[in-house]
Amino acid sequence: MYETSPELEAHLWNRLLVISVSDCNDGTFMQTLVVESLHNVGLRMQRGTGERWGFLVQAVRYLVGFPKDETTDEICMWSRHTMNRGLRAPVIPDYALDIHTETGRKLGRGMAHFLGDGTVIANPYPGADPTFGERVREIVAQGDWD
């Protein structure tokens, strides 16, 4: 496919990207990023050269080394089926209806709501610097937010 035409080369890379997301998983979920990176760097090389071919071969070698796991693909198939049939719909929690959504704005939710309910983090980074968040909250509390 690679040697046949630029269109088939592009198709091959697209298939490798799909494989990286739907068939390979070691728990890191980094496969797509690595394959995309190899693809982008390979595009810098002239077509028809061993250098460009090498990035494609490296992507294949990388993917075949992973355990095969089709869970992501199965989740996609199941969720599309259940939503398309009306069997299930996404449940959007109330706190997600904030200034960034049409429904949240219709409910009159602004920046104060977002900073109070929408920015609650379940597993905060222990070394995070709260300085600017505190400054923003102070500006909003004073009613001076644009």
Foldseek 3Di string as FASTA:
>chain_A
DLPPDPVVVVVLLVVLLVCLQFWFDPPPSCLNVQSVVLQVVLVVDDRPDPSSVVSVVVNVVVRVPGHTDRVRVVVVVVVVVCVVVVVDDDDDDPLNLAPVDPNNVVVVHYDQSCLVRVPDDPDDDPPDDCVVSVVVNVCVVVVNDD
